[in-house]
Amino acid sequence: MARPNFGGFGGGQNMQQLMRQAQKMQQQMTEMQEKLESQEYEAASGGGMVQVKVSGKREVMSVTINPTVVDPDDVEMLEDLVKAAVNEALRKCEEDRESTMGKLAPGMGGLF
């Protein structure tokens, strides 16, 4: 009886090697994700008047507002500064994630 053809994988030994490589890659991806999630990213707006820190889990950890920028007659400006700082910190987080995960799986960075 003929052995089944596994579509170019070359049989059991090559399949085992492929499985080991896949497991190793999965482990590396898990380690990278854990490392990324433990990172912290900071950004500021308004010349440092508003500072934001986010985690690699994309959660806002802190917002620091210089009291001199608080103007009850211009709350909209403060809102814009907070929004800008948060978005910049999250952008830094995403860039780091894409760059780091892209090294492991080139061309697949957008999946993470």
PDB file of N, CA and C in Angstrom:
ATOM      1  N   MET A   1       0.844  -1.176   0.000  1.00  0.00           N
ATOM      2  CA  MET A   1       0.000   0.000   0.000  1.00  0.00           C
ATOM      3  C   MET A   1       0.890   1.240   0.000  1.00  0.00           C
ATOM      4  N   ALA A   2       0.564   2.200  -0.808  1.00  0.00           N
ATOM      5  CA  ALA A   2       1.374   3.420  -0.948  1.00  0.00           C
ATOM      6  C   ALA A   2       1.118   4.361   0.222  1.00  0.00           C
ATOM      7  N   ARG A   3       2.176   5.104   0.589  1.00  0.00           N
ATOM      8  CA  ARG A   3       2.035   6.114   1.655  1.00  0.00           C
ATOM      9  C   ARG A   3       1.281   7.320   1.126  1.00  0.00           C
ATOM     10  N   PRO A   4       0.466   7.917   1.944  1.00  0.00           N
ATOM     11  CA  PRO A   4      -0.250   9.109   1.482  1.00  0.00           C
ATOM     12  C   PRO A   4       0.728  10.255   1.248  1.00  0.00           C
ATOM     13  N   ASN A   5       0.437  11.048   0.262  1.00  0.00           N
ATOM     14  CA  ASN A   5       1.260  12.215  -0.061  1.00  0.00           C
ATOM     15  C   ASN A   5       0.696  13.417   0.697  1.00  0.00           C
ATOM     16  N   PHE A   6       1.512  14.075   1.476  1.00  0.00           N
ATOM     17  CA  PHE A   6       1.067  15.218   2.283  1.00  0.00           C
ATOM     18  C   PHE A   6       1.313  16.544   1.577  1.00  0.00           C
ATOM     19  N   GLY A   7       1.086  16.559   0.266  1.00  0.00           N
ATOM     20  CA  GLY A   7       1.149  17.824  -0.466  1.00  0.00           C
ATOM     21  C   GLY A   7       2.500  18.499  -0.407  1.00  0.00           C
ATOM     22  N   GLY A   8       3.574  17.741  -0.531  1.00  0.00           N
ATOM     23  CA  GLY A   8       4.894  18.354  -0.563  1.00  0.00           C
ATOM     24  C   GLY A   8       5.549  18.476   0.793  1.00  0.00           C
ATOM     25  N   PHE A   9       4.893  18.059   1.864  1.00  0.00           N
ATOM     26  CA  PHE A   9       5.515  18.136   3.186  1.00  0.00           C
ATOM     27  C   PHE A   9       6.520  17.018   3.404  1.00  0.00           C
ATOM     28  N   GLY A  10       6.501  15.993   2.566  1.00  0.00           N
ATOM     29  CA  GLY A  10       7.512  14.957   2.633  1.00  0.00           C
ATOM     30  C   GLY A  10       7.313  13.929   3.709  1.00  0.00           C
ATOM     31  N   GLY A  11       6.155  13.802   4.250  1.00  0.00           N
ATOM     32  CA  GLY A  11       5.902  12.735   5.203  1.00  0.00           C
ATOM     33  C   GLY A  11       6.044  13.168   6.648  1.00  0.00           C
ATOM     34  N   GLY A  12       6.083  12.136   7.505  1.00  0.00           N
ATOM     35  CA  GLY A  12       6.031  12.336   8.946  1.00  0.00           C
ATOM     36  C   GLY A  12       7.162  13.141   9.539  1.00  0.00           C
ATOM     37  N   GLN A  13       8.400  12.876   9.146  1.00  0.00           N
ATOM     38  CA  GLN A  13       9.536  13.560   9.768  1.00  0.00           C
ATOM     39  C   GLN A  13       9.494  15.066   9.484  1.00  0.00           C
ATOM     40  N   ASN A  14       9.230  15.442   8.247  1.00  0.00           N
ATOM     41  CA  ASN A  14       9.147  16.863   7.924  1.00  0.00           C
ATOM     42  C   ASN A  14       7.943  17.514   8.598  1.00  0.00           C
ATOM     43  N   MET A  15       6.872  16.749   8.737  1.00  0.00           N
ATOM     44  CA  MET A  15       5.684  17.272   9.405  1.00  0.00           C
ATOM     45  C   MET A  15       5.988  17.543  10.880  1.00  0.00           C
ATOM     46  N   GLN A  16       6.741  16.640  11.525  1.00  0.00           N
ATOM     47  CA  GLN A  16       7.127  16.839  12.919  1.00  0.00           C
ATOM     48  C   GLN A  16       8.004  18.076  13.060  1.00  0.00           C
ATOM     49  N   GLN A  17       8.921  18.255  12.129  1.00  0.00           N
ATOM     50  CA  GLN A  17       9.802  19.425  12.161  1.00  0.00           C
ATOM     51  C   GLN A  17       8.981  20.708  11.991  1.00  0.00           C
ATOM     52  N   LEU A  18       8.027  20.661  11.089  1.00  0.00           N
ATOM     53  CA  LEU A  18       7.155  21.808  10.872  1.00  0.00           C
ATOM     54  C   LEU A  18       6.343  22.123  12.130  1.00  0.00           C
ATOM     55  N   MET A  19       5.862  21.101  12.799  1.00  0.00           N
ATOM     56  CA  MET A  19       5.099  21.291  14.036  1.00  0.00           C
ATOM     57  C   MET A  19       5.972  21.892  15.138  1.00  0.00           C
ATOM     58  N   ARG A  20       7.224  21.421  15.237  1.00  0.00           N
ATOM     59  CA  ARG A  20       8.149  21.982  16.242  1.00  0.00           C
ATOM     60  C   ARG A  20       8.412  23.457  15.963  1.00  0.00           C
ATOM     61  N   GLN A  21       8.588  23.792  14.693  1.00  0.00           N
ATOM     62  CA  GLN A  21       8.825  25.192  14.325  1.00  0.00           C
ATOM     63  C   GLN A  21       7.608  26.047  14.664  1.00  0.00           C
ATOM     64  N   ALA A  22       6.424  25.525  14.405  1.00  0.00           N
ATOM     65  CA  ALA A  22       5.198  26.252  14.714  1.00  0.00           C
ATOM     66  C   ALA A  22       5.056  26.462  16.224  1.00  0.00           C
ATOM     67  N   GLN A  23       5.378  25.435  17.019  1.00  0.00           N
ATOM     68  CA  GLN A  23       5.300  25.565  18.473  1.00  0.00           C
ATOM     69  C   GLN A  23       6.309  26.590  18.979  1.00  0.00           C
ATOM     70  N   LYS A  24       7.509  26.585  18.405  1.00  0.00           N
ATOM     71  CA  LYS A  24       8.539  27.545  18.810  1.00  0.00           C
ATOM     72  C   LYS A  24       8.098  28.966  18.477  1.00  0.00           C
ATOM     73  N   MET A  25       7.525  29.136  17.300  1.00  0.00           N
ATOM     74  CA  MET A  25       7.051  30.462  16.902  1.00  0.00           C
ATOM     75  C   MET A  25       5.920  30.916  17.815  1.00  0.00           C
ATOM     76  N   GLN A  26       5.019  30.021  18.176  1.00  0.00           N
ATOM     77  CA  GLN A  26       3.919  30.353  19.082  1.00  0.00           C
ATOM     78  C   GLN A  26       4.460  30.787  20.442  1.00  0.00           C
ATOM     79  N   GLN A  27       5.467  30.082  20.934  1.00  0.00           N
ATOM     80  CA  GLN A  27       6.070  30.440  22.213  1.00  0.00           C
ATOM     81  C   GLN A  27       6.729  31.825  22.134  1.00  0.00           C
ATOM     82  N   GLN A  28       7.434  32.093  21.038  1.00  0.00           N
ATOM     83  CA  GLN A  28       8.074  33.400  20.865  1.00  0.00           C
ATOM     84  C   GLN A  28       7.027  34.502  20.801  1.00  0.00           C
ATOM     85  N   MET A  29       5.932  34.247  20.110  1.00  0.00           N
ATOM     86  CA  MET A  29       4.874  35.248  20.009  1.00  0.00           C
ATOM     87  C   MET A  29       4.271  35.527  21.377  1.00  0.00           C
ATOM     88  N   THR A  30       4.048  34.496  22.160  1.00  0.00           N
ATOM     89  CA  THR A  30       3.492  34.664  23.499  1.00  0.00           C
ATOM     90  C   THR A  30       4.438  35.483  24.368  1.00  0.00           C
ATOM     91  N   GLU A  31       5.733  35.168  24.313  1.00  0.00           N
ATOM     92  CA  GLU A  31       6.726  35.910  25.094  1.00  0.00           C
ATOM     93  C   GLU A  31       6.772  37.371  24.667  1.00  0.00           C
ATOM     94  N   MET A  32       6.726  37.632  23.361  1.00  0.00           N
ATOM     95  CA  MET A  32       6.757  39.014  22.870  1.00  0.00           C
ATOM     96  C   MET A  32       5.515  39.775  23.314  1.00  0.00           C
ATOM     97  N   GLN A  33       4.361  39.126  23.245  1.00  0.00           N
ATOM     98  CA  GLN A  33       3.131  39.794  23.667  1.00  0.00           C
ATOM     99  C   GLN A  33       3.174  40.139  25.151  1.00  0.00           C
ATOM    100  N   GLU A  34       3.673  39.221  25.970  1.00  0.00           N
ATOM    101  CA  GLU A  34       3.790  39.504  27.402  1.00  0.00           C
ATOM    102  C   GLU A  34       4.736  40.671  27.645  1.00  0.00           C
ATOM    103  N   LYS A  35       5.843  40.704  26.918  1.00  0.00           N
ATOM    104  CA  LYS A  35       6.794  41.806  27.064  1.00  0.00           C
ATOM    105  C   LYS A  35       6.150  43.120  26.638  1.00  0.00           C
ATOM    106  N   LEU A  36       5.445  43.118  25.514  1.00  0.00           N
ATOM    107  CA  LEU A  36       4.785  44.332  25.040  1.00  0.00           C
ATOM    108  C   LEU A  36       3.744  44.822  26.032  1.00  0.00           C
ATOM    109  N   GLU A  37       2.988  43.896  26.620  1.00  0.00           N
ATOM    110  CA  GLU A  37       1.950  44.287  27.562  1.00  0.00           C
ATOM    111  C   GLU A  37       2.519  44.876  28.844  1.00  0.00           C
ATOM    112  N   SER A  38       3.770  44.568  29.156  1.00  0.00           N
ATOM    113  CA  SER A  38       4.379  45.107  30.371  1.00  0.00           C
ATOM    114  C   SER A  38       5.038  46.475  30.126  1.00  0.00           C
ATOM    115  N   GLN A  39       5.106  46.905  28.879  1.00  0.00           N
ATOM    116  CA  GLN A  39       5.723  48.195  28.553  1.00  0.00           C
ATOM    117  C   GLN A  39       4.814  49.359  28.956  1.00  0.00           C
ATOM    118  N   GLU A  40       5.429  50.523  29.085  1.00  0.00           N
ATOM    119  CA  GLU A  40       4.681  51.757  29.340  1.00  0.00           C
ATOM    120  C   GLU A  40       5.082  52.775  28.285  1.00  0.00           C
ATOM    121  N   TYR A  41       4.116  53.560  27.839  1.00  0.00           N
ATOM    122  CA  TYR A  41       4.343  54.557  26.804  1.00  0.00           C
ATOM    123  C   TYR A  41       3.827  55.894  27.311  1.00  0.00           C
ATOM    124  N   GLU A  42       4.634  56.926  27.095  1.00  0.00           N
ATOM    125  CA  GLU A  42       4.261  58.258  27.547  1.00  0.00           C
ATOM    126  C   GLU A  42       4.208  59.208  26.375  1.00  0.00           C
ATOM    127  N   ALA A  43       3.324  60.184  26.479  1.00  0.00           N
ATOM    128  CA  ALA A  43       3.237  61.238  25.482  1.00  0.00           C
ATOM    129  C   ALA A  43       2.740  62.494  26.174  1.00  0.00           C
ATOM    130  N   ALA A  44       3.035  63.628  25.542  1.00  0.00           N
ATOM    131  CA  ALA A  44       2.620  64.916  26.106  1.00  0.00           C
ATOM    132  C   ALA A  44       2.067  65.787  24.991  1.00  0.00           C
ATOM    133  N   SER A  45       1.284  66.759  25.389  1.00  0.00           N
ATOM    134  CA  SER A  45       0.776  67.756  24.445  1.00  0.00           C
ATOM    135  C   SER A  45       0.807  69.109  25.118  1.00  0.00           C
ATOM    136  N   GLY A  46       0.630  70.144  24.317  1.00  0.00           N
ATOM    137  CA  GLY A  46       0.629  71.495  24.868  1.00  0.00           C
ATOM    138  C   GLY A  46       1.953  71.864  25.500  1.00  0.00           C
ATOM    139  N   GLY A  47       3.052  71.427  24.878  1.00  0.00           N
ATOM    140  CA  GLY A  47       4.370  71.734  25.419  1.00  0.00           C
ATOM    141  C   GLY A  47       4.615  71.086  26.768  1.00  0.00           C
ATOM    142  N   GLY A  48       4.019  69.929  27.003  1.00  0.00           N
ATOM    143  CA  GLY A  48       4.216  69.209  28.257  1.00  0.00           C
ATOM    144  C   GLY A  48       3.188  69.548  29.316  1.00  0.00           C
ATOM    145  N   MET A  49       2.207  70.359  28.969  1.00  0.00           N
ATOM    146  CA  MET A  49       1.184  70.738  29.947  1.00  0.00           C
ATOM    147  C   MET A  49       0.270  69.573  30.309  1.00  0.00           C
ATOM    148  N   VAL A  50       0.078  68.643  29.369  1.00  0.00           N
ATOM    149  CA  VAL A  50      -0.713  67.448  29.621  1.00  0.00           C
ATOM    150  C   VAL A  50       0.161  66.252  29.279  1.00  0.00           C
ATOM    151  N   GLN A  51       0.304  65.342  30.233  1.00  0.00           N
ATOM    152  CA  GLN A  51       1.103  64.143  30.024  1.00  0.00           C
ATOM    153  C   GLN A  51       0.233  62.922  30.295  1.00  0.00           C
ATOM    154  N   VAL A  52       0.415  61.902  29.436  1.00  0.00           N
ATOM    155  CA  VAL A  52      -0.382  60.678  29.547  1.00  0.00           C
ATOM    156  C   VAL A  52       0.555  59.492  29.497  1.00  0.00           C
ATOM    157  N   LYS A  53       0.248  58.500  30.308  1.00  0.00           N
ATOM    158  CA  LYS A  53       0.995  57.241  30.301  1.00  0.00           C
ATOM    159  C   LYS A  53      -0.014  56.130  30.049  1.00  0.00           C
ATOM    160  N   VAL A  54       0.314  55.249  29.063  1.00  0.00           N
ATOM    161  CA  VAL A  54      -0.532  54.092  28.780  1.00  0.00           C
ATOM    162  C   VAL A  54       0.303  52.832  28.895  1.00  0.00           C
ATOM    163  N   SER A  55      -0.370  51.726  29.142  1.00  0.00           N
ATOM    164  CA  SER A  55       0.307  50.429  29.226  1.00  0.00           C
ATOM    165  C   SER A  55       0.291  49.768  27.849  1.00  0.00           C
ATOM    166  N   GLY A  56       1.098  48.736  27.721  1.00  0.00           N
ATOM    167  CA  GLY A  56       1.101  47.952  26.495  1.00  0.00           C
ATOM    168  C   GLY A  56      -0.201  47.219  26.271  1.00  0.00           C
ATOM    169  N   LYS A  57      -1.041  47.198  27.296  1.00  0.00           N
ATOM    170  CA  LYS A  57      -2.377  46.603  27.170  1.00  0.00           C
ATOM    171  C   LYS A  57      -3.372  47.629  26.637  1.00  0.00           C
ATOM    172  N   ARG A  58      -2.851  48.813  26.271  1.00  0.00           N
ATOM    173  CA  ARG A  58      -3.658  49.913  25.723  1.00  0.00           C
ATOM    174  C   ARG A  58      -4.628  50.483  26.750  1.00  0.00           C
ATOM    175  N   GLU A  59      -4.182  50.551  28.001  1.00  0.00           N
ATOM    176  CA  GLU A  59      -4.995  51.128  29.068  1.00  0.00           C
ATOM    177  C   GLU A  59      -4.312  52.393  29.570  1.00  0.00           C
ATOM    178  N   VAL A  60      -5.088  53.449  29.789  1.00  0.00           N
ATOM    179  CA  VAL A  60      -4.550  54.684  30.326  1.00  0.00           C
ATOM    180  C   VAL A  60      -4.192  54.444  31.784  1.00  0.00           C
ATOM    181  N   MET A  61      -2.922  54.701  32.115  1.00  0.00           N
ATOM    182  CA  MET A  61      -2.444  54.486  33.478  1.00  0.00           C
ATOM    183  C   MET A  61      -2.480  55.781  34.285  1.00  0.00           C
ATOM    184  N   SER A  62      -2.143  56.890  33.618  1.00  0.00           N
ATOM    185  CA  SER A  62      -2.169  58.167  34.331  1.00  0.00           C
ATOM    186  C   SER A  62      -2.318  59.322  33.356  1.00  0.00           C
ATOM    187  N   VAL A  63      -2.917  60.385  33.876  1.00  0.00           N
ATOM    188  CA  VAL A  63      -3.048  61.647  33.155  1.00  0.00           C
ATOM    189  C   VAL A  63      -2.600  62.734  34.124  1.00  0.00           C
ATOM    190  N   THR A  64      -1.619  63.528  33.702  1.00  0.00           N
ATOM    191  CA  THR A  64      -1.115  64.613  34.540  1.00  0.00           C
ATOM    192  C   THR A  64      -1.368  65.930  33.808  1.00  0.00           C
ATOM    193  N   ILE A  65      -2.058  66.836  34.484  1.00  0.00           N
ATOM    194  CA  ILE A  65      -2.403  68.129  33.883  1.00  0.00           C
ATOM    195  C   ILE A  65      -1.786  69.233  34.719  1.00  0.00           C
ATOM    196  N   ASN A  66      -0.998  70.077  34.076  1.00  0.00           N
ATOM    197  CA  ASN A  66      -0.417  71.232  34.746  1.00  0.00           C
ATOM    198  C   ASN A  66      -1.562  72.195  35.098  1.00  0.00           C
ATOM    199  N   PRO A  67      -1.675  72.600  36.357  1.00  0.00           N
ATOM    200  CA  PRO A  67      -2.790  73.459  36.774  1.00  0.00           C
ATOM    201  C   PRO A  67      -2.889  74.771  35.997  1.00  0.00           C
ATOM    202  N   THR A  68      -1.790  75.240  35.448  1.00  0.00           N
ATOM    203  CA  THR A  68      -1.838  76.523  34.723  1.00  0.00           C
ATOM    204  C   THR A  68      -2.608  76.411  33.409  1.00  0.00           C
ATOM    205  N   VAL A  69      -2.822  75.201  32.917  1.00  0.00           N
ATOM    206  CA  VAL A  69      -3.547  75.030  31.664  1.00  0.00           C
ATOM    207  C   VAL A  69      -5.053  74.891  31.896  1.00  0.00           C
ATOM    208  N   VAL A  70      -5.466  74.794  33.148  1.00  0.00           N
ATOM    209  CA  VAL A  70      -6.888  74.656  33.465  1.00  0.00           C
ATOM    210  C   VAL A  70      -7.528  76.044  33.466  1.00  0.00           C
ATOM    211  N   ASP A  71      -8.374  76.254  32.462  1.00  0.00           N
ATOM    212  CA  ASP A  71      -9.086  77.527  32.323  1.00  0.00           C
ATOM    213  C   ASP A  71     -10.572  77.210  32.212  1.00  0.00           C
ATOM    214  N   PRO A  72     -11.352  77.559  33.228  1.00  0.00           N
ATOM    215  CA  PRO A  72     -12.783  77.227  33.207  1.00  0.00           C
ATOM    216  C   PRO A  72     -13.511  77.820  31.999  1.00  0.00           C
ATOM    217  N   ASP A  73     -12.938  78.861  31.412  1.00  0.00           N
ATOM    218  CA  ASP A  73     -13.572  79.477  30.245  1.00  0.00           C
ATOM    219  C   ASP A  73     -13.149  78.811  28.939  1.00  0.00           C
ATOM    220  N   ASP A  74     -12.206  77.865  28.996  1.00  0.00           N
ATOM    221  CA  ASP A  74     -11.740  77.207  27.778  1.00  0.00           C
ATOM    222  C   ASP A  74     -11.520  75.713  28.036  1.00  0.00           C
ATOM    223  N   VAL A  75     -12.548  75.049  28.478  1.00  0.00           N
ATOM    224  CA  VAL A  75     -12.494  73.614  28.761  1.00  0.00           C
ATOM    225  C   VAL A  75     -12.187  72.830  27.476  1.00  0.00           C
ATOM    226  N   GLU A  76     -12.660  73.328  26.352  1.00  0.00           N
ATOM    227  CA  GLU A  76     -12.458  72.648  25.076  1.00  0.00           C
ATOM    228  C   GLU A  76     -10.965  72.484  24.756  1.00  0.00           C
ATOM    229  N   MET A  77     -10.163  73.482  25.076  1.00  0.00           N
ATOM    230  CA  MET A  77      -8.724  73.382  24.832  1.00  0.00           C
ATOM    231  C   MET A  77      -8.115  72.260  25.674  1.00  0.00           C
ATOM    232  N   LEU A  78      -8.505  72.168  26.936  1.00  0.00           N
ATOM    233  CA  LEU A  78      -7.999  71.120  27.809  1.00  0.00           C
ATOM    234  C   LEU A  78      -8.417  69.748  27.289  1.00  0.00           C
ATOM    235  N   GLU A  79      -9.653  69.632  26.855  1.00  0.00           N
ATOM    236  CA  GLU A  79     -10.121  68.371  26.288  1.00  0.00           C
ATOM    237  C   GLU A  79      -9.282  67.974  25.076  1.00  0.00           C
ATOM    238  N   ASP A  80      -8.984  68.951  24.216  1.00  0.00           N
ATOM    239  CA  ASP A  80      -8.172  68.681  23.029  1.00  0.00           C
ATOM    240  C   ASP A  80      -6.759  68.251  23.403  1.00  0.00           C
ATOM    241  N   LEU A  81      -6.181  68.870  24.422  1.00  0.00           N
ATOM    242  CA  LEU A  81      -4.836  68.507  24.859  1.00  0.00           C
ATOM    243  C   LEU A  81      -4.800  67.086  25.416  1.00  0.00           C
ATOM    244  N   VAL A  82      -5.812  66.730  26.210  1.00  0.00           N
ATOM    245  CA  VAL A  82      -5.881  65.373  26.766  1.00  0.00           C
ATOM    246  C   VAL A  82      -6.043  64.362  25.636  1.00  0.00           C
ATOM    247  N   LYS A  83      -6.934  64.638  24.724  1.00  0.00           N
ATOM    248  CA  LYS A  83      -7.176  63.735  23.599  1.00  0.00           C
ATOM    249  C   LYS A  83      -5.908  63.560  22.761  1.00  0.00           C
ATOM    250  N   ALA A  84      -5.205  64.636  22.489  1.00  0.00           N
ATOM    251  CA  ALA A  84      -3.975  64.563  21.691  1.00  0.00           C
ATOM    252  C   ALA A  84      -2.909  63.726  22.386  1.00  0.00           C
ATOM    253  N   ALA A  85      -2.745  63.920  23.684  1.00  0.00           N
ATOM    254  CA  ALA A  85      -1.731  63.168  24.424  1.00  0.00           C
ATOM    255  C   ALA A  85      -2.087  61.684  24.494  1.00  0.00           C
ATOM    256  N   VAL A  86      -3.346  61.368  24.732  1.00  0.00           N
ATOM    257  CA  VAL A  86      -3.775  59.967  24.787  1.00  0.00           C
ATOM    258  C   VAL A  86      -3.561  59.306  23.429  1.00  0.00           C
ATOM    259  N   ASN A  87      -3.980  59.957  22.370  1.00  0.00           N
ATOM    260  CA  ASN A  87      -3.825  59.377  21.034  1.00  0.00           C
ATOM    261  C   ASN A  87      -2.356  59.174  20.678  1.00  0.00           C
ATOM    262  N   GLU A  88      -1.498  60.090  21.052  1.00  0.00           N
ATOM    263  CA  GLU A  88      -0.069  59.945  20.760  1.00  0.00           C
ATOM    264  C   GLU A  88       0.530  58.776  21.548  1.00  0.00           C
ATOM    265  N   ALA A  89       0.175  58.636  22.803  1.00  0.00           N
ATOM    266  CA  ALA A  89       0.685  57.520  23.606  1.00  0.00           C
ATOM    267  C   ALA A  89       0.213  56.188  23.037  1.00  0.00           C
ATOM    268  N   LEU A  90      -1.044  56.110  22.631  1.00  0.00           N
ATOM    269  CA  LEU A  90      -1.563  54.879  22.030  1.00  0.00           C
ATOM    270  C   LEU A  90      -0.903  54.595  20.686  1.00  0.00           C
ATOM    271  N   ARG A  91      -0.608  55.642  19.917  1.00  0.00           N
ATOM    272  CA  ARG A  91       0.082  55.465  18.645  1.00  0.00           C
ATOM    273  C   ARG A  91       1.469  54.874  18.868  1.00  0.00           C
ATOM    274  N   LYS A  92       2.184  55.378  19.882  1.00  0.00           N
ATOM    275  CA  LYS A  92       3.506  54.834  20.210  1.00  0.00           C
ATOM    276  C   LYS A  92       3.404  53.357  20.583  1.00  0.00           C
ATOM    277  N   CYS A  93       2.405  53.022  21.364  1.00  0.00           N
ATOM    278  CA  CYS A  93       2.179  51.636  21.764  1.00  0.00           C
ATOM    279  C   CYS A  93       1.960  50.759  20.539  1.00  0.00           C
ATOM    280  N   GLU A  94       1.108  51.190  19.635  1.00  0.00           N
ATOM    281  CA  GLU A  94       0.801  50.403  18.439  1.00  0.00           C
ATOM    282  C   GLU A  94       2.016  50.269  17.528  1.00  0.00           C
ATOM    283  N   GLU A  95       2.779  51.344  17.367  1.00  0.00           N
ATOM    284  CA  GLU A  95       3.979  51.276  16.536  1.00  0.00           C
ATOM    285  C   GLU A  95       4.967  50.256  17.095  1.00  0.00           C
ATOM    286  N   ASP A  96       5.137  50.260  18.406  1.00  0.00           N
ATOM    287  CA  ASP A  96       6.050  49.306  19.042  1.00  0.00           C
ATOM    288  C   ASP A  96       5.549  47.882  18.846  1.00  0.00           C
ATOM    289  N   ARG A  97       4.257  47.680  19.011  1.00  0.00           N
ATOM    290  CA  ARG A  97       3.662  46.352  18.832  1.00  0.00           C
ATOM    291  C   ARG A  97       3.858  45.872  17.393  1.00  0.00           C
ATOM    292  N   GLU A  98       3.560  46.720  16.429  1.00  0.00           N
ATOM    293  CA  GLU A  98       3.708  46.339  15.018  1.00  0.00           C
ATOM    294  C   GLU A  98       5.160  46.018  14.693  1.00  0.00           C
ATOM    295  N   SER A  99       6.061  46.852  15.178  1.00  0.00           N
ATOM    296  CA  SER A  99       7.484  46.652  14.902  1.00  0.00           C
ATOM    297  C   SER A  99       8.000  45.360  15.532  1.00  0.00           C
ATOM    298  N   THR A 100       7.667  45.145  16.779  1.00  0.00           N
ATOM    299  CA  THR A 100       8.143  43.966  17.505  1.00  0.00           C
ATOM    300  C   THR A 100       7.568  42.683  16.927  1.00  0.00           C
ATOM    301  N   MET A 101       6.277  42.636  16.726  1.00  0.00           N
ATOM    302  CA  MET A 101       5.652  41.424  16.212  1.00  0.00           C
ATOM    303  C   MET A 101       6.022  41.209  14.745  1.00  0.00           C
ATOM    304  N   GLY A 102       6.252  42.283  14.003  1.00  0.00           N
ATOM    305  CA  GLY A 102       6.648  42.170  12.609  1.00  0.00           C
ATOM    306  C   GLY A 102       7.996  41.508  12.442  1.00  0.00           C
ATOM    307  N   LYS A 103       8.863  41.622  13.442  1.00  0.00           N
ATOM    308  CA  LYS A 103      10.167  40.972  13.392  1.00  0.00           C
ATOM    309  C   LYS A 103      10.016  39.456  13.459  1.00  0.00           C
ATOM    310  N   LEU A 104       9.018  39.004  14.188  1.00  0.00           N
ATOM    311  CA  LEU A 104       8.791  37.569  14.330  1.00  0.00           C
ATOM    312  C   LEU A 104       8.099  37.004  13.101  1.00  0.00           C
ATOM    313  N   ALA A 105       7.122  37.729  12.597  1.00  0.00           N
ATOM    314  CA  ALA A 105       6.355  37.259  11.444  1.00  0.00           C
ATOM    315  C   ALA A 105       6.265  38.379  10.418  1.00  0.00           C
ATOM    316  N   PRO A 106       7.329  38.595   9.627  1.00  0.00           N
ATOM    317  CA  PRO A 106       7.318  39.680   8.643  1.00  0.00           C
ATOM    318  C   PRO A 106       6.095  39.586   7.725  1.00  0.00           C
ATOM    319  N   GLY A 107       5.499  40.741   7.480  1.00  0.00           N
ATOM    320  CA  GLY A 107       4.336  40.779   6.616  1.00  0.00           C
ATOM    321  C   GLY A 107       3.035  40.474   7.328  1.00  0.00           C
ATOM    322  N   MET A 108       3.109  40.093   8.610  1.00  0.00           N
ATOM    323  CA  MET A 108       1.897  39.757   9.352  1.00  0.00           C
ATOM    324  C   MET A 108       1.679  40.705  10.520  1.00  0.00           C
ATOM    325  N   GLY A 109       2.462  41.778  10.620  1.00  0.00           N
ATOM    326  CA  GLY A 109       2.370  42.690  11.750  1.00  0.00           C
ATOM    327  C   GLY A 109       0.981  43.246  11.969  1.00  0.00           C
ATOM    328  N   GLY A 110       0.229  43.446  10.883  1.00  0.00           N
ATOM    329  CA  GLY A 110      -1.117  43.993  10.996  1.00  0.00           C
ATOM    330  C   GLY A 110      -2.084  43.079  11.718  1.00  0.00           C
ATOM    331  N   LEU A 111      -1.706  41.823  11.904  1.00  0.00           N
ATOM    332  CA  LEU A 111      -2.594  40.880  12.584  1.00  0.00           C
ATOM    333  C   LEU A 111      -2.568  41.046  14.090  1.00  0.00           C
ATOM    334  N   PHE A 112      -1.613  41.788  14.615  1.00  0.00           N
ATOM    335  CA  PHE A 112      -1.445  41.887  16.061  1.00  0.00           C
ATOM    336  C   PHE A 112      -1.926  43.229  16.494  1.00  0.00           C
TER     337      PHE A 112
END
